Each structure stands twice: as structure tokens, then as C-alpha cells.
Amino acid sequence: MLTAIALIFPAIAIVVASLVVSSTFRVLLQQRRRELALLRALGGSTKQVRSLVRRETHAVGGISLVGIVLGPLLGGLLSTSQRTPTFVDVISSIFAPLYRASCGSSVHC
């Protein structure tokens, strides 16, 4: 009985999250439809508009893929630390290697 009650909360969270995502997507789609119609009215061909949408989709998908790969890696890295990491720890662990790599061999970076 207690397990069934405990499983209801994640189910409710999933339903609420899906409703929020779908309503947000609906609003964005309405705005995007107007933008694409304006592109067509200004002389863009159907092929150009489809190409634009396809490239944007690939860009968003690529960024999402990076997040999908880095999320578990960062989670595993942070979960193995001895103390609870702060926000500064997380940000510095992400950007410090990039900063050092961009400096190269310069002394005053």
C-alpha cells in the first residue's frame, strides 16, 4: 500500500512535466509558424524554409546530445567527491580545463 502511494508522486510529476512541455511547444510552434510565413512572404522558397528548419533542428539536437553525454559524466564526477560540491565547484570544474587549454603555453593568461 505504501509503495503504491509512493509511486503515485513520480507519475503525477511525469504528467505535469509532459503538460508543461506540450503547452510550451504549442506556444513556440504558433510563434514559429508566423515567422516562417513571414519568410515565405518576403520571397523565401519552400526549400529554403525547410532547409532553415532542418538546420535549426540539427543544431538543437546536437546541443541536446552534448547535454545527454555531459550530464551523466558530470553527475558521476560530482558524486564521487568527498564533500558536497558548491555551484562554484561545478562551474570551475567545467570551465577551468577549457581556460587552461585556451591559454596554451602563454605565461600571462
PDB file of N, CA and C in Angstrom:
ATOM      1  N   MET A   1       0.815  -1.192   0.000  1.00  0.00           N
ATOM      2  CA  MET A   1       0.000   0.000   0.000  1.00  0.00           C
ATOM      3  C   MET A   1       0.858   1.256   0.000  1.00  0.00           C
ATOM      4  N   LEU A   2       1.867   1.294   0.861  1.00  0.00           N
ATOM      5  CA  LEU A   2       2.746   2.450   0.957  1.00  0.00           C
ATOM      6  C   LEU A   2       3.569   2.619  -0.317  1.00  0.00           C
ATOM      7  N   THR A   3       3.963   1.502  -0.909  1.00  0.00           N
ATOM      8  CA  THR A   3       4.712   1.562  -2.159  1.00  0.00           C
ATOM      9  C   THR A   3       3.854   2.127  -3.275  1.00  0.00           C
ATOM     10  N   ALA A   4       2.612   1.742  -3.339  1.00  0.00           N
ATOM     11  CA  ALA A   4       1.713   2.269  -4.369  1.00  0.00           C
ATOM     12  C   ALA A   4       1.525   3.769  -4.221  1.00  0.00           C
ATOM     13  N   ILE A   5       1.407   4.232  -2.997  1.00  0.00           N
ATOM     14  CA  ILE A   5       1.259   5.671  -2.756  1.00  0.00           C
ATOM     15  C   ILE A   5       2.541   6.402  -3.142  1.00  0.00           C
ATOM     16  N   ALA A   6       3.683   5.805  -2.838  1.00  0.00           N
ATOM     17  CA  ALA A   6       4.961   6.426  -3.172  1.00  0.00           C
ATOM     18  C   ALA A   6       5.175   6.493  -4.677  1.00  0.00           C
ATOM     19  N   LEU A   7       4.609   5.560  -5.425  1.00  0.00           N
ATOM     20  CA  LEU A   7       4.774   5.554  -6.879  1.00  0.00           C
ATOM     21  C   LEU A   7       3.827   6.532  -7.580  1.00  0.00           C
ATOM     22  N   ILE A   8       2.832   7.009  -6.881  1.00  0.00           N
ATOM     23  CA  ILE A   8       1.897   7.960  -7.491  1.00  0.00           C
ATOM     24  C   ILE A   8       2.570   9.305  -7.723  1.00  0.00           C
ATOM     25  N   PHE A   9       3.443   9.730  -6.822  1.00  0.00           N
ATOM     26  CA  PHE A   9       4.074  11.037  -6.945  1.00  0.00           C
ATOM     27  C   PHE A   9       4.939  11.176  -8.194  1.00  0.00           C
ATOM     28  N   PRO A  10       5.792  10.210  -8.534  1.00  0.00           N
ATOM     29  CA  PRO A  10       6.527  10.331  -9.796  1.00  0.00           C
ATOM     30  C   PRO A  10       5.599  10.321 -11.016  1.00  0.00           C
ATOM     31  N   ALA A  11       4.523   9.578 -10.945  1.00  0.00           N
ATOM     32  CA  ALA A  11       3.573   9.554 -12.062  1.00  0.00           C
ATOM     33  C   ALA A  11       2.930  10.925 -12.249  1.00  0.00           C
ATOM     34  N   ILE A  12       2.563  11.556 -11.145  1.00  0.00           N
ATOM     35  CA  ILE A  12       1.989  12.902 -11.229  1.00  0.00           C
ATOM     36  C   ILE A  12       3.028  13.873 -11.781  1.00  0.00           C
ATOM     37  N   ALA A  13       4.268  13.751 -11.348  1.00  0.00           N
ATOM     38  CA  ALA A  13       5.334  14.628 -11.841  1.00  0.00           C
ATOM     39  C   ALA A  13       5.540  14.461 -13.336  1.00  0.00           C
ATOM     40  N   ILE A  14       5.469  13.241 -13.822  1.00  0.00           N
ATOM     41  CA  ILE A  14       5.632  12.994 -15.261  1.00  0.00           C
ATOM     42  C   ILE A  14       4.476  13.607 -16.042  1.00  0.00           C
ATOM     43  N   VAL A  15       3.263  13.457 -15.550  1.00  0.00           N
ATOM     44  CA  VAL A  15       2.100  14.038 -16.232  1.00  0.00           C
ATOM     45  C   VAL A  15       2.199  15.557 -16.264  1.00  0.00           C
ATOM     46  N   VAL A  16       2.548  16.165 -15.142  1.00  0.00           N
ATOM     47  CA  VAL A  16       2.664  17.625 -15.091  1.00  0.00           C
ATOM     48  C   VAL A  16       3.778  18.104 -16.017  1.00  0.00           C
ATOM     49  N   ALA A  17       4.918  17.430 -15.995  1.00  0.00           N
ATOM     50  CA  ALA A  17       6.034  17.821 -16.860  1.00  0.00           C
ATOM     51  C   ALA A  17       5.654  17.707 -18.328  1.00  0.00           C
ATOM     52  N   SER A  18       4.947  16.653 -18.709  1.00  0.00           N
ATOM     53  CA  SER A  18       4.549  16.499 -20.107  1.00  0.00           C
ATOM     54  C   SER A  18       3.545  17.576 -20.521  1.00  0.00           C
ATOM     55  N   LEU A  19       2.653  17.961 -19.601  1.00  0.00           N
ATOM     56  CA  LEU A  19       1.715  19.041 -19.914  1.00  0.00           C
ATOM     57  C   LEU A  19       2.434  20.369 -20.091  1.00  0.00           C
ATOM     58  N   VAL A  20       3.411  20.642 -19.251  1.00  0.00           N
ATOM     59  CA  VAL A  20       4.172  21.883 -19.369  1.00  0.00           C
ATOM     60  C   VAL A  20       4.958  21.909 -20.671  1.00  0.00           C
ATOM     61  N   VAL A  21       5.608  20.814 -20.993  1.00  0.00           N
ATOM     62  CA  VAL A  21       6.389  20.755 -22.233  1.00  0.00           C
ATOM     63  C   VAL A  21       5.487  20.891 -23.447  1.00  0.00           C
ATOM     64  N   SER A  22       4.362  20.211 -23.455  1.00  0.00           N
ATOM     65  CA  SER A  22       3.482  20.279 -24.624  1.00  0.00           C
ATOM     66  C   SER A  22       2.867  21.661 -24.791  1.00  0.00           C
ATOM     67  N   SER A  23       2.489  22.317 -23.705  1.00  0.00           N
ATOM     68  CA  SER A  23       1.920  23.654 -23.845  1.00  0.00           C
ATOM     69  C   SER A  23       2.979  24.655 -24.276  1.00  0.00           C
ATOM     70  N   THR A  24       4.194  24.519 -23.780  1.00  0.00           N
ATOM     71  CA  THR A  24       5.287  25.391 -24.210  1.00  0.00           C
ATOM     72  C   THR A  24       5.577  25.180 -25.685  1.00  0.00           C
ATOM     73  N   PHE A  25       5.601  23.923 -26.101  1.00  0.00           N
ATOM     74  CA  PHE A  25       5.854  23.616 -27.503  1.00  0.00           C
ATOM     75  C   PHE A  25       4.749  24.190 -28.392  1.00  0.00           C
ATOM     76  N   ARG A  26       3.521  24.137 -27.940  1.00  0.00           N
ATOM     77  CA  ARG A  26       2.399  24.671 -28.715  1.00  0.00           C
ATOM     78  C   ARG A  26       2.542  26.179 -28.926  1.00  0.00           C
ATOM     79  N   VAL A  27       2.920  26.899 -27.876  1.00  0.00           N
ATOM     80  CA  VAL A  27       3.110  28.346 -27.978  1.00  0.00           C
ATOM     81  C   VAL A  27       4.268  28.666 -28.919  1.00  0.00           C
ATOM     82  N   LEU A  28       5.363  27.947 -28.781  1.00  0.00           N
ATOM     83  CA  LEU A  28       6.509  28.179 -29.659  1.00  0.00           C
ATOM     84  C   LEU A  28       6.182  27.867 -31.104  1.00  0.00           C
ATOM     85  N   LEU A  29       5.392  26.845 -31.317  1.00  0.00           N
ATOM     86  CA  LEU A  29       5.008  26.480 -32.674  1.00  0.00           C
ATOM     87  C   LEU A  29       4.157  27.568 -33.326  1.00  0.00           C
ATOM     88  N   GLN A  30       3.261  28.172 -32.570  1.00  0.00           N
ATOM     89  CA  GLN A  30       2.444  29.263 -33.103  1.00  0.00           C
ATOM     90  C   GLN A  30       3.313  30.453 -33.485  1.00  0.00           C
ATOM     91  N   GLN A  31       4.269  30.803 -32.638  1.00  0.00           N
ATOM     92  CA  GLN A  31       5.175  31.904 -32.952  1.00  0.00           C
ATOM     93  C   GLN A  31       6.033  31.563 -34.157  1.00  0.00           C
ATOM     94  N   ARG A  32       6.508  30.349 -34.209  1.00  0.00           N
ATOM     95  CA  ARG A  32       7.378  29.934 -35.318  1.00  0.00           C
ATOM     96  C   ARG A  32       6.613  29.909 -36.634  1.00  0.00           C
ATOM     97  N   ARG A  33       5.360  29.531 -36.596  1.00  0.00           N
ATOM     98  CA  ARG A  33       4.540  29.494 -37.807  1.00  0.00           C
ATOM     99  C   ARG A  33       4.450  30.891 -38.425  1.00  0.00           C
ATOM    100  N   ARG A  34       4.280  31.910 -37.583  1.00  0.00           N
ATOM    101  CA  ARG A  34       4.227  33.294 -38.080  1.00  0.00           C
ATOM    102  C   ARG A  34       5.561  33.709 -38.699  1.00  0.00           C
ATOM    103  N   GLU A  35       6.658  33.351 -38.055  1.00  0.00           N
ATOM    104  CA  GLU A  35       7.976  33.698 -38.584  1.00  0.00           C
ATOM    105  C   GLU A  35       8.221  33.041 -39.937  1.00  0.00           C
ATOM    106  N   LEU A  36       7.864  31.770 -40.048  1.00  0.00           N
ATOM    107  CA  LEU A  36       8.070  31.062 -41.316  1.00  0.00           C
ATOM    108  C   LEU A  36       7.171  31.620 -42.409  1.00  0.00           C
ATOM    109  N   ALA A  37       5.961  32.018 -42.053  1.00  0.00           N
ATOM    110  CA  ALA A  37       5.075  32.644 -43.040  1.00  0.00           C
ATOM    111  C   ALA A  37       5.653  33.974 -43.513  1.00  0.00           C
ATOM    112  N   LEU A  38       6.264  34.715 -42.608  1.00  0.00           N
ATOM    113  CA  LEU A  38       6.888  35.972 -42.992  1.00  0.00           C
ATOM    114  C   LEU A  38       8.067  35.728 -43.928  1.00  0.00           C
ATOM    115  N   LEU A  39       8.847  34.699 -43.667  1.00  0.00           N
ATOM    116  CA  LEU A  39       9.948  34.358 -44.571  1.00  0.00           C
ATOM    117  C   LEU A  39       9.429  34.028 -45.964  1.00  0.00           C
ATOM    118  N   ARG A  40       8.347  33.279 -46.013  1.00  0.00           N
ATOM    119  CA  ARG A  40       7.752  32.936 -47.317  1.00  0.00           C
ATOM    120  C   ARG A  40       7.215  34.194 -48.013  1.00  0.00           C
ATOM    121  N   ALA A  41       6.613  35.103 -47.247  1.00  0.00           N
ATOM    122  CA  ALA A  41       6.051  36.324 -47.831  1.00  0.00           C
ATOM    123  C   ALA A  41       7.154  37.242 -48.355  1.00  0.00           C
ATOM    124  N   LEU A  42       8.328  37.179 -47.744  1.00  0.00           N
ATOM    125  CA  LEU A  42       9.436  38.019 -48.188  1.00  0.00           C
ATOM    126  C   LEU A  42      10.210  37.403 -49.348  1.00  0.00           C
ATOM    127  N   GLY A  43       9.790  36.255 -49.825  1.00  0.00           N
ATOM    128  CA  GLY A  43      10.400  35.681 -51.012  1.00  0.00           C
ATOM    129  C   GLY A  43      11.185  34.416 -50.799  1.00  0.00           C
ATOM    130  N   GLY A  44      11.188  33.877 -49.606  1.00  0.00           N
ATOM    131  CA  GLY A  44      11.893  32.626 -49.369  1.00  0.00           C
ATOM    132  C   GLY A  44      11.138  31.461 -49.984  1.00  0.00           C
ATOM    133  N   SER A  45      11.879  30.569 -50.601  1.00  0.00           N
ATOM    134  CA  SER A  45      11.228  29.413 -51.208  1.00  0.00           C
ATOM    135  C   SER A  45      10.934  28.357 -50.139  1.00  0.00           C
ATOM    136  N   THR A  46      10.077  27.430 -50.490  1.00  0.00           N
ATOM    137  CA  THR A  46       9.746  26.341 -49.566  1.00  0.00           C
ATOM    138  C   THR A  46      10.998  25.551 -49.223  1.00  0.00           C
ATOM    139  N   LYS A  47      11.855  25.344 -50.202  1.00  0.00           N
ATOM    140  CA  LYS A  47      13.091  24.600 -49.983  1.00  0.00           C
ATOM    141  C   LYS A  47      13.998  25.338 -48.993  1.00  0.00           C
ATOM    142  N   GLN A  48      14.086  26.654 -49.090  1.00  0.00           N
ATOM    143  CA  GLN A  48      14.917  27.432 -48.177  1.00  0.00           C
ATOM    144  C   GLN A  48      14.370  27.374 -46.748  1.00  0.00           C
ATOM    145  N   VAL A  49      13.060  27.486 -46.608  1.00  0.00           N
ATOM    146  CA  VAL A  49      12.445  27.458 -45.281  1.00  0.00           C
ATOM    147  C   VAL A  49      12.633  26.082 -44.652  1.00  0.00           C
ATOM    148  N   ARG A  50      12.439  25.030 -45.421  1.00  0.00           N
ATOM    149  CA  ARG A  50      12.639  23.680 -44.890  1.00  0.00           C
ATOM    150  C   ARG A  50      14.091  23.449 -44.501  1.00  0.00           C
ATOM    151  N   SER A  51      15.017  23.969 -45.319  1.00  0.00           N
ATOM    152  CA  SER A  51      16.430  23.837 -45.008  1.00  0.00           C
ATOM    153  C   SER A  51      16.771  24.567 -43.710  1.00  0.00           C
ATOM    154  N   LEU A  52      16.199  25.746 -43.519  1.00  0.00           N
ATOM    155  CA  LEU A  52      16.410  26.505 -42.290  1.00  0.00           C
ATOM    156  C   LEU A  52      15.916  25.725 -41.074  1.00  0.00           C
ATOM    157  N   VAL A  53      14.722  25.192 -41.167  1.00  0.00           N
ATOM    158  CA  VAL A  53      14.149  24.429 -40.059  1.00  0.00           C
ATOM    159  C   VAL A  53      14.976  23.173 -39.790  1.00  0.00           C
ATOM    160  N   ARG A  54      15.419  22.518 -40.835  1.00  0.00           N
ATOM    161  CA  ARG A  54      16.221  21.299 -40.677  1.00  0.00           C
ATOM    162  C   ARG A  54      17.547  21.616 -39.982  1.00  0.00           C
ATOM    163  N   ARG A  55      18.222  22.708 -40.400  1.00  0.00           N
ATOM    164  CA  ARG A  55      19.494  23.066 -39.780  1.00  0.00           C
ATOM    165  C   ARG A  55      19.311  23.445 -38.303  1.00  0.00           C
ATOM    166  N   GLU A  56      18.249  24.170 -38.010  1.00  0.00           N
ATOM    167  CA  GLU A  56      17.979  24.532 -36.619  1.00  0.00           C
ATOM    168  C   GLU A  56      17.700  23.287 -35.783  1.00  0.00           C
ATOM    169  N   THR A  57      16.987  22.346 -36.346  1.00  0.00           N
ATOM    170  CA  THR A  57      16.688  21.102 -35.646  1.00  0.00           C
ATOM    171  C   THR A  57      17.969  20.325 -35.347  1.00  0.00           C
ATOM    172  N   HIS A  58      18.864  20.272 -36.330  1.00  0.00           N
ATOM    173  CA  HIS A  58      20.131  19.572 -36.111  1.00  0.00           C
ATOM    174  C   HIS A  58      20.974  20.284 -35.060  1.00  0.00           C
ATOM    175  N   ALA A  59      20.958  21.607 -35.043  1.00  0.00           N
ATOM    176  CA  ALA A  59      21.726  22.355 -34.046  1.00  0.00           C
ATOM    177  C   ALA A  59      21.195  22.080 -32.634  1.00  0.00           C
ATOM    178  N   VAL A  60      19.888  22.147 -32.470  1.00  0.00           N
ATOM    179  CA  VAL A  60      19.296  21.886 -31.157  1.00  0.00           C
ATOM    180  C   VAL A  60      19.533  20.430 -30.746  1.00  0.00           C
ATOM    181  N   GLY A  61      19.407  19.508 -31.683  1.00  0.00           N
ATOM    182  CA  GLY A  61      19.669  18.097 -31.391  1.00  0.00           C
ATOM    183  C   GLY A  61      21.112  17.860 -30.986  1.00  0.00           C
ATOM    184  N   GLY A  62      22.046  18.549 -31.646  1.00  0.00           N
ATOM    185  CA  GLY A  62      23.462  18.416 -31.299  1.00  0.00           C
ATOM    186  C   GLY A  62      23.755  18.931 -29.908  1.00  0.00           C
ATOM    187  N   ILE A  63      23.168  20.080 -29.575  1.00  0.00           N
ATOM    188  CA  ILE A  63      23.358  20.633 -28.232  1.00  0.00           C
ATOM    189  C   ILE A  63      22.741  19.698 -27.196  1.00  0.00           C
ATOM    190  N   SER A  64      21.592  19.137 -27.500  1.00  0.00           N
ATOM    191  CA  SER A  64      20.953  18.198 -26.577  1.00  0.00           C
ATOM    192  C   SER A  64      21.812  16.956 -26.386  1.00  0.00           C
ATOM    193  N   LEU A  65      22.411  16.494 -27.457  1.00  0.00           N
ATOM    194  CA  LEU A  65      23.271  15.315 -27.370  1.00  0.00           C
ATOM    195  C   LEU A  65      24.474  15.587 -26.478  1.00  0.00           C
ATOM    196  N   VAL A  66      25.042  16.780 -26.596  1.00  0.00           N
ATOM    197  CA  VAL A  66      26.158  17.155 -25.717  1.00  0.00           C
ATOM    198  C   VAL A  66      25.703  17.123 -24.259  1.00  0.00           C
ATOM    199  N   GLY A  67      24.507  17.651 -23.991  1.00  0.00           N
ATOM    200  CA  GLY A  67      23.976  17.637 -22.629  1.00  0.00           C
ATOM    201  C   GLY A  67      23.715  16.231 -22.129  1.00  0.00           C
ATOM    202  N   ILE A  68      23.234  15.375 -23.005  1.00  0.00           N
ATOM    203  CA  ILE A  68      22.967  13.989 -22.620  1.00  0.00           C
ATOM    204  C   ILE A  68      24.269  13.267 -22.276  1.00  0.00           C
ATOM    205  N   VAL A  69      25.338  13.582 -22.998  1.00  0.00           N
ATOM    206  CA  VAL A  69      26.623  12.933 -22.730  1.00  0.00           C
ATOM    207  C   VAL A  69      27.289  13.530 -21.491  1.00  0.00           C
ATOM    208  N   LEU A  70      27.285  14.877 -21.381  1.00  0.00           N
ATOM    209  CA  LEU A  70      27.990  15.514 -20.271  1.00  0.00           C
ATOM    210  C   LEU A  70      27.250  15.390 -18.937  1.00  0.00           C
ATOM    211  N   GLY A  71      25.926  15.291 -18.954  1.00  0.00           N
ATOM    212  CA  GLY A  71      25.159  15.203 -17.719  1.00  0.00           C
ATOM    213  C   GLY A  71      25.561  14.036 -16.839  1.00  0.00           C
ATOM    214  N   PRO A  72      25.516  12.821 -17.364  1.00  0.00           N
ATOM    215  CA  PRO A  72      25.932  11.684 -16.532  1.00  0.00           C
ATOM    216  C   PRO A  72      27.410  11.724 -16.147  1.00  0.00           C
ATOM    217  N   LEU A  73      28.254  12.247 -17.054  1.00  0.00           N
ATOM    218  CA  LEU A  73      29.672  12.330 -16.713  1.00  0.00           C
ATOM    219  C   LEU A  73      29.899  13.292 -15.559  1.00  0.00           C
ATOM    220  N   LEU A  74      29.286  14.468 -15.626  1.00  0.00           N
ATOM    221  CA  LEU A  74      29.418  15.421 -14.528  1.00  0.00           C
ATOM    222  C   LEU A  74      28.773  14.885 -13.253  1.00  0.00           C
ATOM    223  N   GLY A  75      27.640  14.218 -13.392  1.00  0.00           N
ATOM    224  CA  GLY A  75      26.987  13.635 -12.222  1.00  0.00           C
ATOM    225  C   GLY A  75      27.863  12.597 -11.555  1.00  0.00           C
ATOM    226  N   GLY A  76      28.486  11.753 -12.344  1.00  0.00           N
ATOM    227  CA  GLY A  76      29.390  10.752 -11.785  1.00  0.00           C
ATOM    228  C   GLY A  76      30.620  11.378 -11.161  1.00  0.00           C
ATOM    229  N   LEU A  77      31.141  12.414 -11.804  1.00  0.00           N
ATOM    230  CA  LEU A  77      32.305  13.112 -11.271  1.00  0.00           C
ATOM    231  C   LEU A  77      31.973  13.775  -9.933  1.00  0.00           C
ATOM    232  N   LEU A  78      30.834  14.419  -9.871  1.00  0.00           N
ATOM    233  CA  LEU A  78      30.461  15.124  -8.654  1.00  0.00           C
ATOM    234  C   LEU A  78      30.028  14.175  -7.536  1.00  0.00           C
ATOM    235  N   SER A  79      29.477  13.026  -7.889  1.00  0.00           N
ATOM    236  CA  SER A  79      29.016  12.100  -6.849  1.00  0.00           C
ATOM    237  C   SER A  79      30.166  11.365  -6.177  1.00  0.00           C
ATOM    238  N   THR A  80      31.327  11.331  -6.812  1.00  0.00           N
ATOM    239  CA  THR A  80      32.470  10.642  -6.214  1.00  0.00           C
ATOM    240  C   THR A  80      33.293  11.552  -5.321  1.00  0.00           C
ATOM    241  N   SER A  81      32.976  12.845  -5.277  1.00  0.00           N
ATOM    242  CA  SER A  81      33.751  13.756  -4.435  1.00  0.00           C
ATOM    243  C   SER A  81      33.431  13.510  -2.954  1.00  0.00           C
ATOM    244  N   GLN A  82      34.359  13.918  -2.083  1.00  0.00           N
ATOM    245  CA  GLN A  82      34.210  13.685  -0.649  1.00  0.00           C
ATOM    246  C   GLN A  82      33.199  14.614   0.007  1.00  0.00           C
ATOM    247  N   ARG A  83      33.061  15.826  -0.512  1.00  0.00           N
ATOM    248  CA  ARG A  83      32.147  16.789   0.085  1.00  0.00           C
ATOM    249  C   ARG A  83      31.105  17.192  -0.942  1.00  0.00           C
ATOM    250  N   THR A  84      30.083  17.834  -0.492  1.00  0.00           N
ATOM    251  CA  THR A  84      29.034  18.295  -1.386  1.00  0.00           C
ATOM    252  C   THR A  84      29.556  19.474  -2.198  1.00  0.00           C
ATOM    253  N   PRO A  85      29.533  19.384  -3.523  1.00  0.00           N
ATOM    254  CA  PRO A  85      30.085  20.465  -4.336  1.00  0.00           C
ATOM    255  C   PRO A  85      29.170  21.691  -4.323  1.00  0.00           C
ATOM    256  N   THR A  86      29.792  22.848  -4.386  1.00  0.00           N
ATOM    257  CA  THR A  86      29.039  24.090  -4.493  1.00  0.00           C
ATOM    258  C   THR A  86      28.887  24.448  -5.955  1.00  0.00           C
ATOM    259  N   PHE A  87      28.111  25.473  -6.219  1.00  0.00           N
ATOM    260  CA  PHE A  87      27.922  25.933  -7.592  1.00  0.00           C
ATOM    261  C   PHE A  87      29.255  26.346  -8.201  1.00  0.00           C
ATOM    262  N   VAL A  88      30.091  27.013  -7.430  1.00  0.00           N
ATOM    263  CA  VAL A  88      31.398  27.455  -7.928  1.00  0.00           C
ATOM    264  C   VAL A  88      32.263  26.251  -8.286  1.00  0.00           C
ATOM    265  N   ASP A  89      32.195  25.193  -7.492  1.00  0.00           N
ATOM    266  CA  ASP A  89      32.959  23.978  -7.793  1.00  0.00           C
ATOM    267  C   ASP A  89      32.542  23.376  -9.131  1.00  0.00           C
ATOM    268  N   VAL A  90      31.252  23.332  -9.359  1.00  0.00           N
ATOM    269  CA  VAL A  90      30.736  22.755 -10.601  1.00  0.00           C
ATOM    270  C   VAL A  90      31.186  23.589 -11.792  1.00  0.00           C
ATOM    271  N   ILE A  91      31.005  24.903 -11.709  1.00  0.00           N
ATOM    272  CA  ILE A  91      31.380  25.782 -12.823  1.00  0.00           C
ATOM    273  C   ILE A  91      32.880  25.736 -13.073  1.00  0.00           C
ATOM    274  N   SER A  92      33.670  25.758 -12.008  1.00  0.00           N
ATOM    275  CA  SER A  92      35.122  25.733 -12.202  1.00  0.00           C
ATOM    276  C   SER A  92      35.589  24.392 -12.760  1.00  0.00           C
ATOM    277  N   SER A  93      34.925  23.300 -12.390  1.00  0.00           N
ATOM    278  CA  SER A  93      35.327  22.005 -12.945  1.00  0.00           C
ATOM    279  C   SER A  93      34.998  21.903 -14.429  1.00  0.00           C
ATOM    280  N   ILE A  94      34.017  22.687 -14.879  1.00  0.00           N
ATOM    281  CA  ILE A  94      33.667  22.680 -16.298  1.00  0.00           C
ATOM    282  C   ILE A  94      34.595  23.587 -17.089  1.00  0.00           C
ATOM    283  N   PHE A  95      34.798  24.817 -16.583  1.00  0.00           N
ATOM    284  CA  PHE A  95      35.472  25.819 -17.389  1.00  0.00           C
ATOM    285  C   PHE A  95      36.977  25.925 -17.151  1.00  0.00           C
ATOM    286  N   ALA A  96      37.494  25.433 -16.039  1.00  0.00           N
ATOM    287  CA  ALA A  96      38.930  25.530 -15.777  1.00  0.00           C
ATOM    288  C   ALA A  96      39.758  24.785 -16.836  1.00  0.00           C
ATOM    289  N   PRO A  97      39.409  23.561 -17.215  1.00  0.00           N
ATOM    290  CA  PRO A  97      40.193  22.895 -18.264  1.00  0.00           C
ATOM    291  C   PRO A  97      40.123  23.626 -19.607  1.00  0.00           C
ATOM    292  N   LEU A  98      38.954  24.191 -19.913  1.00  0.00           N
ATOM    293  CA  LEU A  98      38.830  24.939 -21.160  1.00  0.00           C
ATOM    294  C   LEU A  98      39.695  26.192 -21.123  1.00  0.00           C
ATOM    295  N   TYR A  99      39.735  26.852 -19.976  1.00  0.00           N
ATOM    296  CA  TYR A  99      40.549  28.055 -19.821  1.00  0.00           C
ATOM    297  C   TYR A  99      42.030  27.727 -19.956  1.00  0.00           C
ATOM    298  N   ARG A 100      42.457  26.649 -19.297  1.00  0.00           N
ATOM    299  CA  ARG A 100      43.872  26.245 -19.396  1.00  0.00           C
ATOM    300  C   ARG A 100      44.212  25.857 -20.820  1.00  0.00           C
ATOM    301  N   ALA A 101      43.314  25.183 -21.513  1.00  0.00           N
ATOM    302  CA  ALA A 101      43.590  24.761 -22.891  1.00  0.00           C
ATOM    303  C   ALA A 101      43.654  25.962 -23.820  1.00  0.00           C
ATOM    304  N   SER A 102      42.851  26.982 -23.557  1.00  0.00           N
ATOM    305  CA  SER A 102      42.887  28.153 -24.431  1.00  0.00           C
ATOM    306  C   SER A 102      44.125  28.983 -24.208  1.00  0.00           C
ATOM    307  N   CYS A 103      44.747  28.883 -23.023  1.00  0.00           N
ATOM    308  CA  CYS A 103      45.964  29.646 -22.731  1.00  0.00           C
ATOM    309  C   CYS A 103      47.167  29.085 -23.453  1.00  0.00           C
ATOM    310  N   GLY A 104      47.186  27.805 -23.657  1.00  0.00           N
ATOM    311  CA  GLY A 104      48.317  27.182 -24.315  1.00  0.00           C
ATOM    312  C   GLY A 104      49.556  27.279 -23.448  1.00  0.00           C
ATOM    313  N   SER A 105      50.635  27.832 -24.021  1.00  0.00           N
ATOM    314  CA  SER A 105      51.884  27.933 -23.274  1.00  0.00           C
ATOM    315  C   SER A 105      52.158  29.357 -22.800  1.00  0.00           C
ATOM    316  N   SER A 106      51.192  30.248 -22.940  1.00  0.00           N
ATOM    317  CA  SER A 106      51.449  31.631 -22.515  1.00  0.00           C
ATOM    318  C   SER A 106      51.485  31.723 -20.998  1.00  0.00           C
ATOM    319  N   VAL A 107      52.363  32.577 -20.492  1.00  0.00           N
ATOM    320  CA  VAL A 107      52.537  32.716 -19.055  1.00  0.00           C
ATOM    321  C   VAL A 107      51.458  33.587 -18.469  1.00  0.00           C
ATOM    322  N   HIS A 108      51.114  34.673 -19.159  1.00  0.00           N
ATOM    323  CA  HIS A 108      50.123  35.632 -18.645  1.00  0.00           C
ATOM    324  C   HIS A 108      48.778  35.394 -19.304  1.00  0.00           C
ATOM    325  N   CYS A 109      48.046  34.473 -18.775  1.00  0.00           N
ATOM    326  CA  CYS A 109      46.755  34.161 -19.347  1.00  0.00           C
ATOM    327  C   CYS A 109      45.650  34.683 -18.491  1.00  0.00           C
TER     328      CYS A 109
END
